[in-house]
């Protein structure tokens, strides 16, 4: 959702094979964040993956994903009002 609360929908691209489903989720979020920087003032992201939200909220609990989560944390700097919510 952007600052005017307009919903911006974005599909994902076909990623190369990742180590796990969770790695794919993190990669998809990173890709969406990078693209939103170029195309929209979006600040809020939605996901159907509760584990991804837990990873963003407590990255230290997910050491196997440290490198990927560092990229997300770096991108979050560009989104001062960053939010990620569960969309069932």
Protein backbone atom coordinates (compact mmCIF):
# COMPACT_ATOMS: atom_id res chain seq x y z
CA UNK A 1 0.00 0.00 0.00
CA UNK A 2 1.39 3.41 -0.84
CA UNK A 3 1.20 6.63 1.18
CA UNK A 4 -2.26 7.41 -0.26
CA UNK A 5 -3.39 3.93 0.80
CA UNK A 6 -3.70 2.83 -2.82
CA UNK A 7 -2.99 -0.87 -3.21
CA UNK A 8 -0.14 -1.68 -5.59
CA UNK A 9 -0.16 -5.32 -6.72
CA UNK A 10 2.95 -6.90 -8.10
CA UNK A 11 3.56 -10.41 -9.33
CA UNK A 12 6.84 -12.18 -8.86
CA UNK A 13 9.23 -13.35 -11.48
CA UNK A 14 10.41 -16.90 -12.00
CA UNK A 15 13.31 -17.30 -9.59
CA UNK A 16 16.13 -19.73 -10.01
CA UNK A 17 15.98 -22.71 -7.69
CA UNK A 18 16.44 -21.69 -4.05
CA UNK A 19 17.61 -23.79 -1.11
CA UNK A 20 14.12 -23.89 0.42
CA UNK A 21 10.62 -22.47 0.17
CA UNK A 22 11.54 -19.89 2.83
CA UNK A 23 14.57 -18.81 0.82
CA UNK A 24 12.20 -18.25 -2.11
CA UNK A 25 9.88 -16.17 0.10
CA UNK A 26 12.76 -13.95 1.25
CA UNK A 27 14.01 -13.57 -2.32
CA UNK A 28 10.51 -12.62 -3.53
CA UNK A 29 10.21 -9.95 -0.82
CA UNK A 30 13.63 -8.55 -1.68
CA UNK A 31 12.70 -8.40 -5.35
CA UNK A 32 9.36 -6.69 -4.58
CA UNK A 33 11.05 -4.12 -2.33
CA UNK A 34 13.67 -3.30 -4.97
CA UNK A 35 10.98 -2.89 -7.61
CA UNK A 36 8.75 -0.76 -5.41
CA UNK A 37 11.68 1.62 -4.91
CA UNK A 38 11.70 2.17 -8.66
CA UNK A 39 7.96 2.25 -9.35
CA UNK A 40 5.96 3.25 -6.29
CA UNK A 41 6.16 4.92 -2.88
CA UNK A 42 4.78 1.68 -1.38
CA UNK A 43 5.48 1.23 2.34
CA UNK A 44 3.40 -1.84 3.22
CA UNK A 45 3.93 -5.37 1.97
CA UNK A 46 1.72 -8.43 2.34
CA UNK A 47 2.57 -12.11 2.40
CA UNK A 48 0.80 -15.38 3.04
CA UNK A 49 3.95 -16.71 4.77
CA UNK A 50 3.84 -16.27 8.55
CA UNK A 51 7.42 -17.51 8.81
CA UNK A 52 8.62 -14.66 6.59
CA UNK A 53 7.02 -12.14 8.95
CA UNK A 54 8.71 -13.83 11.91
CA UNK A 55 12.03 -13.69 10.06
CA UNK A 56 11.66 -9.95 9.42
CA UNK A 57 10.63 -9.25 13.02
CA UNK A 58 13.32 -11.41 14.66
CA UNK A 59 16.15 -12.01 12.17
CA UNK A 60 18.56 -13.16 14.89
CA UNK A 61 16.35 -16.24 15.37
CA UNK A 62 17.01 -17.29 11.77
CA UNK A 63 20.83 -17.56 11.41
CA UNK A 64 20.59 -19.74 8.31
CA UNK A 65 19.03 -16.75 6.51
CA UNK A 66 21.42 -14.10 7.83
CA UNK A 67 22.77 -13.03 4.44
CA UNK A 68 19.33 -12.76 2.83
CA UNK A 69 17.84 -10.95 5.84
CA UNK A 70 20.70 -8.44 5.86
CA UNK A 71 19.68 -7.46 2.32
CA UNK A 72 16.08 -6.97 3.49
CA UNK A 73 17.24 -4.89 6.48
CA UNK A 74 19.30 -2.69 4.15
CA UNK A 75 16.30 -2.16 1.88
CA UNK A 76 14.08 -1.33 4.87
CA UNK A 77 16.13 1.85 5.36
CA UNK A 78 14.55 3.13 2.13
CA UNK A 79 11.05 2.52 3.53
CA UNK A 80 10.68 4.70 6.65
CA UNK A 81 7.17 3.36 7.34
CA UNK A 82 7.88 -0.25 6.33
CA UNK A 83 5.21 -2.77 7.32
CA UNK A 84 4.72 -6.38 6.43
CA UNK A 85 1.42 -8.06 7.18
CA UNK A 86 -0.05 -11.52 6.87
CA UNK A 87 -2.57 -11.91 4.06
CA UNK A 88 -4.30 -15.28 4.38
